[in-house]
Each structure stands twice: as C-alpha cells, then as structure tokens.
C-alpha atoms as a PDB file:
ATOM      1  CA  MET A   1     -24.453  35.169 -48.914  1.00  0.00           C
ATOM      2  CA  HIS A   2     -25.803  33.780 -45.649  1.00  0.00           C
ATOM      3  CA  GLY A   3     -29.024  35.441 -44.452  1.00  0.00           C
ATOM      4  CA  ASN A   4     -28.571  39.217 -44.626  1.00  0.00           C
ATOM      5  CA  ARG A   5     -24.805  39.079 -44.126  1.00  0.00           C
ATOM      6  CA  VAL A   6     -22.314  38.562 -46.921  1.00  0.00           C
ATOM      7  CA  ILE A   7     -19.550  36.159 -45.942  1.00  0.00           C
ATOM      8  CA  PRO A   8     -16.352  36.987 -47.851  1.00  0.00           C
ATOM      9  CA  GLU A   9     -15.120  34.233 -50.155  1.00  0.00           C
ATOM     10  CA  GLY A  10     -12.756  31.826 -48.404  1.00  0.00           C
ATOM     11  CA  CYS A  11     -14.021  32.632 -44.908  1.00  0.00           C
ATOM     12  CA  GLU A  12     -15.932  29.350 -44.673  1.00  0.00           C
ATOM     13  CA  ALA A  13     -12.668  27.405 -44.747  1.00  0.00           C
ATOM     14  CA  GLN A  14     -11.172  29.749 -42.155  1.00  0.00           C
ATOM     15  CA  MET A  15     -14.175  29.186 -39.891  1.00  0.00           C
ATOM     16  CA  CYS A  16     -13.684  25.435 -40.133  1.00  0.00           C
ATOM     17  CA  ASP A  17      -9.977  25.780 -39.296  1.00  0.00           C
ATOM     18  CA  LEU A  18     -10.727  27.959 -36.264  1.00  0.00           C
ATOM     19  CA  TYR A  19     -13.318  25.478 -35.057  1.00  0.00           C
ATOM     20  CA  ARG A  20     -10.875  22.579 -35.418  1.00  0.00           C
ATOM     21  CA  GLU A  21      -8.325  24.566 -33.405  1.00  0.00           C
ATOM     22  CA  GLY A  22     -10.741  24.730 -30.475  1.00  0.00           C
ATOM     23  CA  LYS A  23     -12.549  28.026 -31.004  1.00  0.00           C
ATOM     24  CA  THR A  24     -16.210  27.813 -30.025  1.00  0.00           C
ATOM     25  CA  LEU A  25     -19.098  28.662 -32.355  1.00  0.00           C
ATOM     26  CA  ARG A  26     -19.761  31.811 -30.324  1.00  0.00           C
ATOM     27  CA  GLU A  27     -16.148  32.960 -30.492  1.00  0.00           C
ATOM     28  CA  ILE A  28     -16.036  32.449 -34.270  1.00  0.00           C
ATOM     29  CA  GLY A  29     -19.387  34.220 -34.659  1.00  0.00           C
ATOM     30  CA  ILE A  30     -18.024  37.281 -32.841  1.00  0.00           C
ATOM     31  CA  LEU A  31     -14.986  37.356 -35.133  1.00  0.00           C
ATOM     32  CA  PHE A  32     -17.173  37.394 -38.257  1.00  0.00           C
ATOM     33  CA  GLY A  33     -20.104  39.343 -36.853  1.00  0.00           C
ATOM     34  CA  VAL A  34     -22.665  36.553 -37.169  1.00  0.00           C
ATOM     35  CA  SER A  35     -24.529  34.312 -34.734  1.00  0.00           C
ATOM     36  CA  ARG A  36     -23.203  31.001 -33.452  1.00  0.00           C
ATOM     37  CA  GLU A  37     -26.091  29.295 -35.254  1.00  0.00           C
ATOM     38  CA  ARG A  38     -24.949  30.844 -38.564  1.00  0.00           C
ATOM     39  CA  ILE A  39     -21.460  29.496 -37.946  1.00  0.00           C
ATOM     40  CA  ARG A  40     -22.840  26.056 -37.145  1.00  0.00           C
ATOM     41  CA  GLN A  41     -24.817  26.035 -40.385  1.00  0.00           C
ATOM     42  CA  ILE A  42     -21.806  27.094 -42.447  1.00  0.00           C
ATOM     43  CA  ILE A  43     -19.333  24.545 -41.081  1.00  0.00           C
ATOM     44  CA  SER A  44     -21.973  21.780 -41.048  1.00  0.00           C
ATOM     45  CA  ALA A  45     -22.512  22.356 -44.756  1.00  0.00           C
ATOM     46  CA  LEU A  46     -18.776  21.677 -45.195  1.00  0.00           C
ATOM     47  CA  GLY A  47     -18.980  18.377 -43.222  1.00  0.00           C
ATOM     48  CA  VAL A  48     -17.544  19.620 -39.908  1.00  0.00           C
ATOM     49  CA  THR A  49     -19.331  18.256 -36.812  1.00  0.00           C
ATOM     50  CA  ARG A  50     -19.141  19.109 -33.101  1.00  0.00           C
ATOM     51  CA  LYS A  51     -16.750  16.193 -32.572  1.00  0.00           C
ATOM     52  CA  ASP A  52     -14.211  17.840 -34.874  1.00  0.00           C
ATOM     53  CA  GLY A  53     -13.513  20.891 -32.728  1.00  0.00           C
ATOM     54  CA  GLY A  54     -14.926  23.658 -30.586  1.00  0.00           C
ATOM     55  CA  GLN A  55     -15.681  22.762 -26.977  1.00  0.00           C
ATOM     56  CA  THR A  56     -14.848  19.131 -27.702  1.00  0.00           C
ATOM     57  CA  ILE A  57     -11.239  20.116 -28.343  1.00  0.00           C
ATOM     58  CA  GLY A  58     -11.130  22.088 -25.096  1.00  0.00           C
ATOM     59  CA  ALA A  59     -12.689  19.220 -23.147  1.00  0.00           C
ATOM     60  CA  ASN A  60     -10.207  16.744 -24.633  1.00  0.00           C
ATOM     61  CA  GLU A  61      -7.316  19.001 -23.703  1.00  0.00           C
ATOM     62  CA  THR A  62      -8.640  19.336 -20.144  1.00  0.00           C
ATOM     63  CA  ARG A  63      -8.968  15.562 -19.834  1.00  0.00           C
ATOM     64  CA  ALA A  64      -5.457  15.122 -21.199  1.00  0.00           C
ATOM     65  CA  ARG A  65      -4.052  17.604 -18.657  1.00  0.00           C
ATOM     66  CA  LYS A  66      -5.857  15.901 -15.779  1.00  0.00           C
ATOM     67  CA  LYS A  67      -4.656  12.503 -16.923  1.00  0.00           C
ATOM     68  CA  ALA A  68      -1.065  13.749 -17.168  1.00  0.00           C
ATOM     69  CA  GLU A  69      -1.272  15.285 -13.681  1.00  0.00           C
ATOM     70  CA  LYS A  70      -2.745  12.093 -12.259  1.00  0.00           C
ATOM     71  CA  GLU A  71       0.078  10.080 -13.803  1.00  0.00           C
ATOM     72  CA  ARG A  72       2.674  12.498 -12.423  1.00  0.00           C
ATOM     73  CA  LEU A  73       1.274  12.185  -8.901  1.00  0.00           C
ATOM     74  CA  PHE A  74       1.120   8.386  -9.211  1.00  0.00           C
ATOM     75  CA  ARG A  75       4.777   8.240 -10.220  1.00  0.00           C
ATOM     76  CA  GLN A  76       5.687  10.427  -7.247  1.00  0.00           C
ATOM     77  CA  ARG A  77       3.763   8.056  -4.991  1.00  0.00           C
ATOM     78  CA  ALA A  78       5.542   5.037  -6.482  1.00  0.00           C
ATOM     79  CA  LYS A  79       8.908   6.710  -5.877  1.00  0.00           C
ATOM     80  CA  ARG A  80       8.044   7.383  -2.221  1.00  0.00           C
ATOM     81  CA  LEU A  81       6.984   3.755  -1.788  1.00  0.00           C
ATOM     82  CA  GLY A  82      10.214   2.500  -3.356  1.00  0.00           C
ATOM     83  CA  MET A  83       8.634   0.646  -6.259  1.00  0.00           C
ATOM     84  CA  PRO A  84       8.721   1.257 -10.046  1.00  0.00           C
ATOM     85  CA  HIS A  85       5.446   2.845 -11.114  1.00  0.00           C
ATOM     86  CA  THR A  86       4.708   0.014 -13.555  1.00  0.00           C
ATOM     87  CA  GLU A  87       5.122  -2.592 -10.786  1.00  0.00           C
ATOM     88  CA  LEU A  88       3.062  -0.560  -8.329  1.00  0.00           C
ATOM     89  CA  ARG A  89       0.227  -0.279 -10.852  1.00  0.00           C
ATOM     90  CA  LYS A  90       0.244  -4.057 -11.402  1.00  0.00           C
ATOM     91  CA  HIS A  91       0.398  -4.633  -7.646  1.00  0.00           C
ATOM     92  CA  LEU A  92      -2.588  -2.379  -6.936  1.00  0.00           C
ATOM     93  CA  ASN A  93      -4.565  -3.966  -9.760  1.00  0.00           C
ATOM     94  CA  GLN A  94      -3.970  -7.377  -8.183  1.00  0.00           C
ATOM     95  CA  TYR A  95      -4.233  -6.626  -4.457  1.00  0.00           C
ATOM     96  CA  GLY A  96      -6.007  -3.265  -4.258  1.00  0.00           C
ATOM     97  CA  SER A  97      -5.373  -0.789  -1.452  1.00  0.00           C
ATOM     98  CA  GLY A  98      -8.098  -1.687   1.043  1.00  0.00           C
ATOM     99  CA  SER A  99      -7.693  -2.583   4.712  1.00  0.00           C
ATOM    100  CA  LYS A 100      -6.575  -6.154   3.913  1.00  0.00           C
ATOM    101  CA  SER A 101      -4.146  -5.213   1.149  1.00  0.00           C
ATOM    102  CA  PRO A 102      -0.351  -5.530   1.470  1.00  0.00           C
ATOM    103  CA  LEU A 103      -0.007  -1.739   1.342  1.00  0.00           C
ATOM    104  CA  SER A 104      -2.368  -1.331   4.297  1.00  0.00           C
ATOM    105  CA  LYS A 105      -0.573  -4.096   6.243  1.00  0.00           C
ATOM    106  CA  TYR A 106       2.758  -2.411   5.535  1.00  0.00           C
ATOM    107  CA  ARG A 107       1.514   0.857   7.005  1.00  0.00           C
ATOM    108  CA  SER A 108       0.092  -0.902  10.064  1.00  0.00           C
ATOM    109  CA  HIS A 109       3.369  -2.753  10.630  1.00  0.00           C
ATOM    110  CA  ARG A 110       5.387   0.469  10.323  1.00  0.00           C
ATOM    111  CA  GLN A 111       3.074   2.301  12.742  1.00  0.00           C
ATOM    112  CA  ALA A 112       3.247  -0.538  15.286  1.00  0.00           C
ATOM    113  CA  ALA A 113       7.046  -0.568  15.121  1.00  0.00           C
ATOM    114  CA  ARG A 114       7.222   3.174  15.715  1.00  0.00           C
ATOM    115  CA  LYS A 115       4.878   2.938  18.687  1.00  0.00           C
ATOM    116  CA  ARG A 116       7.202   0.323  20.189  1.00  0.00           C
ATOM    117  CA  GLY A 117      10.224   2.537  19.573  1.00  0.00           C
ATOM    118  CA  ILE A 118      11.720   0.129  17.026  1.00  0.00           C
ATOM    119  CA  GLY A 119      13.644   1.539  14.063  1.00  0.00           C
ATOM    120  CA  TRP A 120      12.080   1.214  10.614  1.00  0.00           C
ATOM    121  CA  LYS A 121      14.281   1.168   7.495  1.00  0.00           C
ATOM    122  CA  PHE A 122      11.906  -0.401   5.003  1.00  0.00           C
ATOM    123  CA  ASN A 123       9.990   1.220   2.216  1.00  0.00           C
ATOM    124  CA  PHE A 124       7.010  -0.581   0.767  1.00  0.00           C
ATOM    125  CA  GLY A 125       8.989  -1.941  -2.175  1.00  0.00           C
ATOM    126  CA  SER A 126      11.638  -3.688  -0.057  1.00  0.00           C
ATOM    127  CA  TRP A 127       9.098  -4.827   2.555  1.00  0.00           C
ATOM    128  CA  TRP A 128       6.854  -6.390  -0.074  1.00  0.00           C
ATOM    129  CA  LYS A 129       9.796  -7.980  -1.915  1.00  0.00           C
ATOM    130  CA  MET A 130      10.781  -9.832   1.245  1.00  0.00           C
ATOM    131  CA  TRP A 131       7.241 -11.106   1.812  1.00  0.00           C
ATOM    132  CA  SER A 132       6.584 -12.041  -1.805  1.00  0.00           C
ATOM    133  CA  GLU A 133       9.892 -13.877  -2.211  1.00  0.00           C
ATOM    134  CA  SER A 134       9.237 -15.839   0.994  1.00  0.00           C
ATOM    135  CA  GLY A 135       6.073 -17.308  -0.511  1.00  0.00           C
ATOM    136  CA  LYS A 136       4.359 -16.947   2.891  1.00  0.00           C
ATOM    137  CA  TRP A 137       2.215 -13.865   2.315  1.00  0.00           C
ATOM    138  CA  ALA A 138      -1.025 -15.857   2.217  1.00  0.00           C
ATOM    139  CA  LEU A 139      -0.052 -17.399   5.579  1.00  0.00           C
ATOM    140  CA  ARG A 140       0.908 -14.114   7.234  1.00  0.00           C
ATOM    141  CA  GLY A 141      -0.825 -13.131  10.457  1.00  0.00           C
ATOM    142  CA  ARG A 142      -0.888 -13.369  14.222  1.00  0.00           C
ATOM    143  CA  GLY A 143      -0.043 -16.916  15.241  1.00  0.00           C
ATOM    144  CA  LYS A 144       1.127 -17.738  11.700  1.00  0.00           C
ATOM    145  CA  TYR A 145       4.034 -16.298   9.724  1.00  0.00           C
ATOM    146  CA  VAL A 146       5.613 -13.027  10.807  1.00  0.00           C
ATOM    147  CA  MET A 147       8.527 -10.760   9.952  1.00  0.00           C
ATOM    148  CA  ALA A 148      11.013 -11.297  12.773  1.00  0.00           C
ATOM    149  CA  ARG A 149      14.121  -9.352  13.771  1.00  0.00           C
ATOM    150  CA  SER A 150      17.384 -11.206  14.349  1.00  0.00           C
ATOM    151  CA  GLY A 151      17.598 -11.826  18.061  1.00  0.00           C
ATOM    152  CA  ASP A 152      14.517  -9.634  18.480  1.00  0.00           C
ATOM    153  CA  GLU A 153      16.869  -6.653  18.433  1.00  0.00           C
ATOM    154  CA  GLY A 154      17.725  -3.757  16.131  1.00  0.00           C
ATOM    155  CA  PRO A 155      15.549  -2.082  13.498  1.00  0.00           C
ATOM    156  CA  TYR A 156      13.259  -3.555  10.905  1.00  0.00           C
ATOM    157  CA  ALA A 157      15.657  -3.562   7.954  1.00  0.00           C
ATOM    158  CA  VAL A 158      16.369  -5.891   5.034  1.00  0.00           C
ATOM    159  CA  GLU A 159      19.613  -7.146   6.594  1.00  0.00           C
ATOM    160  CA  ASN A 160      18.072  -7.648  10.052  1.00  0.00           C
ATOM    161  CA  VAL A 161      14.800  -9.509   9.457  1.00  0.00           C
ATOM    162  CA  TYR A 162      13.549 -12.860   8.221  1.00  0.00           C
ATOM    163  CA  ILE A 163      10.192 -14.539   7.706  1.00  0.00           C
ATOM    164  CA  CYS A 164       9.297 -17.324  10.120  1.00  0.00           C
ATOM    165  CA  THR A 165       6.424 -18.723  12.156  1.00  0.00           C
ATOM    166  CA  ALA A 166       5.270 -16.812  15.206  1.00  0.00           C
ATOM    167  CA  SER A 167       6.348 -19.663  17.490  1.00  0.00           C
ATOM    168  CA  GLN A 168       9.836 -19.727  15.942  1.00  0.00           C
ATOM    169  CA  ASN A 169      10.093 -15.981  16.403  1.00  0.00           C
ATOM    170  CA  SER A 170       9.288 -16.401  20.096  1.00  0.00           C
ATOM    171  CA  LYS A 171      11.898 -19.148  20.490  1.00  0.00           C
ATOM    172  CA  ASP A 172      14.562 -17.157  18.674  1.00  0.00           C
ATOM    173  CA  ALA A 173      13.872 -14.120  20.851  1.00  0.00           C
ATOM    174  CA  HIS A 174      14.413 -16.149  24.027  1.00  0.00           C
ATOM    175  CA  VAL A 175      17.703 -17.550  22.707  1.00  0.00           C
ATOM    176  CA  ASN A 176      19.082 -14.028  22.698  1.00  0.00           C
ATOM    177  CA  LYS A 177      17.179 -12.904  25.810  1.00  0.00           C
ATOM    178  CA  PRO A 178      16.536 -16.113  27.809  1.00  0.00           C
ATOM    179  CA  TYR A 179      14.448 -14.486  30.502  1.00  0.00           C
ATOM    180  CA  GLN A 180      12.529 -11.265  30.560  1.00  0.00           C
ATOM    181  CA  THR A 181      12.888  -8.770  33.381  1.00  0.00           C
ATOM    182  CA  ARG A 182       9.506  -9.660  34.857  1.00  0.00           C
ATOM    183  CA  THR A 183       9.676 -12.085  37.814  1.00  0.00           C
ATOM    184  CA  PHE A 184       7.249 -14.459  39.515  1.00  0.00           C
ATOM    185  CA  LYS A 185       7.136 -16.107  42.928  1.00  0.00           C
ATOM    186  CA  ILE A 186       7.804 -19.815  43.284  1.00  0.00           C
ATOM    187  CA  GLY A 187       4.473 -20.083  45.052  1.00  0.00           C
ATOM    188  CA  SER A 188       2.770 -19.382  41.750  1.00  0.00           C
ATOM    189  CA  CYS A 189       3.854 -22.820  40.538  1.00  0.00           C
ATOM    190  CA  LYS A 190       3.291 -24.973  43.630  1.00  0.00           C
ATOM    191  CA  LYS A 191       2.714 -28.182  41.682  1.00  0.00           C
ATOM    192  CA  ILE A 192       6.187 -28.030  40.118  1.00  0.00           C
ATOM    193  CA  THR A 193       9.390 -28.097  42.143  1.00  0.00           C
ATOM    194  CA  LYS A 194      12.135 -25.618  41.345  1.00  0.00           C
ATOM    195  CA  GLU A 195      14.416 -28.489  40.302  1.00  0.00           C
ATOM    196  CA  LYS A 196      12.121 -29.153  37.325  1.00  0.00           C
ATOM    197  CA  TYR A 197      12.365 -25.624  35.929  1.00  0.00           C
ATOM    198  CA  ALA A 198      15.515 -26.338  33.908  1.00  0.00           C
ATOM    199  CA  ASP A 199      13.936 -29.424  32.339  1.00  0.00           C
ATOM    200  CA  ILE A 200      10.821 -27.480  31.417  1.00  0.00           C
ATOM    201  CA  ARG A 201      12.850 -24.689  29.823  1.00  0.00           C
ATOM    202  CA  GLU A 202      14.722 -27.191  27.652  1.00  0.00           C
ATOM    203  CA  ASP A 203      11.619 -29.199  26.753  1.00  0.00           C
ATOM    204  CA  PRO A 204      10.971 -28.719  22.982  1.00  0.00           C
ATOM    205  CA  ARG A 205       7.338 -29.806  23.156  1.00  0.00           C
ATOM    206  CA  PRO A 206       4.484 -27.292  22.817  1.00  0.00           C
ATOM    207  CA  GLN A 207       3.641 -25.616  26.114  1.00  0.00           C
ATOM    208  CA  SER A 208       0.174 -27.154  26.051  1.00  0.00           C
ATOM    209  CA  GLU A 209       1.679 -30.671  26.071  1.00  0.00           C
ATOM    210  CA  ILE A 210       4.144 -29.827  28.832  1.00  0.00           C
ATOM    211  CA  ALA A 211       1.331 -28.352  30.928  1.00  0.00           C
ATOM    212  CA  LYS A 212      -0.735 -31.491  30.460  1.00  0.00           C
ATOM    213  CA  HIS A 213       2.238 -33.648  31.473  1.00  0.00           C
ATOM    214  CA  TYR A 214       2.690 -31.759  34.750  1.00  0.00           C
ATOM    215  CA  GLY A 215      -0.999 -31.262  35.387  1.00  0.00           C
ATOM    216  CA  VAL A 216      -0.864 -27.479  35.403  1.00  0.00           C
ATOM    217  CA  HIS A 217      -2.268 -24.645  33.316  1.00  0.00           C
ATOM    218  CA  GLN A 218      -0.336 -23.612  30.206  1.00  0.00           C
ATOM    219  CA  SER A 219       0.205 -20.138  31.679  1.00  0.00           C
ATOM    220  CA  THR A 220       2.284 -21.738  34.445  1.00  0.00           C
ATOM    221  CA  ILE A 221       4.610 -23.302  31.888  1.00  0.00           C
ATOM    222  CA  SER A 222       4.851 -19.968  30.093  1.00  0.00           C
ATOM    223  CA  LEU A 223       5.915 -18.278  33.343  1.00  0.00           C
ATOM    224  CA  ILE A 224       8.656 -20.838  33.963  1.00  0.00           C
ATOM    225  CA  LYS A 225       9.958 -20.711  30.405  1.00  0.00           C
ATOM    226  CA  ASN A 226       9.979 -16.967  29.953  1.00  0.00           C
ATOM    227  CA  TYR A 227      10.541 -15.275  33.314  1.00  0.00           C
ATOM    228  CA  LYS A 228      12.979 -15.254  36.199  1.00  0.00           C
ATOM    229  CA  VAL A 229      12.080 -16.752  39.534  1.00  0.00           C
ATOM    230  CA  LYS A 230      11.733 -14.300  42.395  1.00  0.00           C
ATOM    231  CA  GLU A 231      13.373 -15.862  45.429  1.00  0.00           C
END
C-alpha cells in the first residue's frame, strides 16, 4: 500500500518500465490514479532516477532528431558545394567560413565573374582543389597570385584556368589581345617619339623601370604598351 491507495502487486515494475520508455511521472500517475509525487517515490525506491527515463528520454530523442536534421542539411550543403561532407567538415574546421575564408573568397570570385558577364563552371570543391594543389593560396590576392583564364577568354572552368602572378596574367592577356580598343593621342606622350613605341612594347622590364629610363610617368608607359595610338 502507498498512502491511501493500494497499488496492485507487480505495478511498481510496470511503472519503472513506462518511465524508462519516456512516459512522464504525471502521465504514469494518471494511468494508475495517483500523483506524480507518488510515482516518483515508488520508482525511486526501486533505484530508478530521472536520468533513466521520463522527460530525459524525450529530450534526448529531440536532441537526436535535431542532430540528424542538422547532419542531413550539412550533407546537402556539401553536395551543392561539390565536396564530400567529411572533407568539407575538415575544411571548415581549419579555415572557418568568415569573410577571409576560402569559401567566402570563392563566392566573391563567382559574383565578380557574373557581374563581368564571364561564364562560371566551378563549384567550390573544384575551385578549392585548384588553389590548394597550386600551393599559392597563402599568396593569393590583388597584385599577387590570381586565377587566370587562358588568353583572358572563355569561362572560369577547370580546363580553362591556371594559377599565376597578377603581372603574368596581364602579360598573357595582351599576348592574345595585344591592344585594347581604347585609344590615346600621340600628344599624350610628347617625350617619346612614335618610333620608340615598338621598343617599349617589347621591353620585358617592369613599367616603372622603363618609365624611369625615358623620364616619363609610369602611366605613359602603360598607355603605350596596352592601347592603340589615335592618329
């Protein structure tokens, strides 16, 4: 007997089983017509604690469901980015996902290409593989190493890009397109005769050195090297 209520023999074990299955003290109390406190006293006397069932079971199940859903969404994200989920997890643990992370730089590069009307056939996995295998990621940036397109034409795609210095990218672009459509008047470069233009365009030295040699500003050398002369 418990208080004024007789608990049938064997019900104590049943109460413990129900509690371990996730039933709360209140729910079990309603089934047997006693208070939740009575149930707590009965199962406690049999060595069952709150960690063994009841709301703890429900909370654990909820956490397990949330964890499974989080993992499912992460795997979907990894698939969209073109990288195995195990590799993506290691990558994010190492580099993070902040504004200076490879993932952020990838998105910025893709957005810039689209704004310029250039095709984009990379996913993050293939883009990062090219950078990581080049060994130049730490040196990436404006004026340093860049991802260049062959001949500065076509889309950004695995078969059409390579990693090189920014200056090499500029040189390679002018090999395919020697002069841009913009023109300038000869009068803009009064200190240099037109006969010298060909020599300047073939001169392999940095533009700053060429400018110093001719006694002109570097922008003048850039004009001669990169643009047509307007007669």
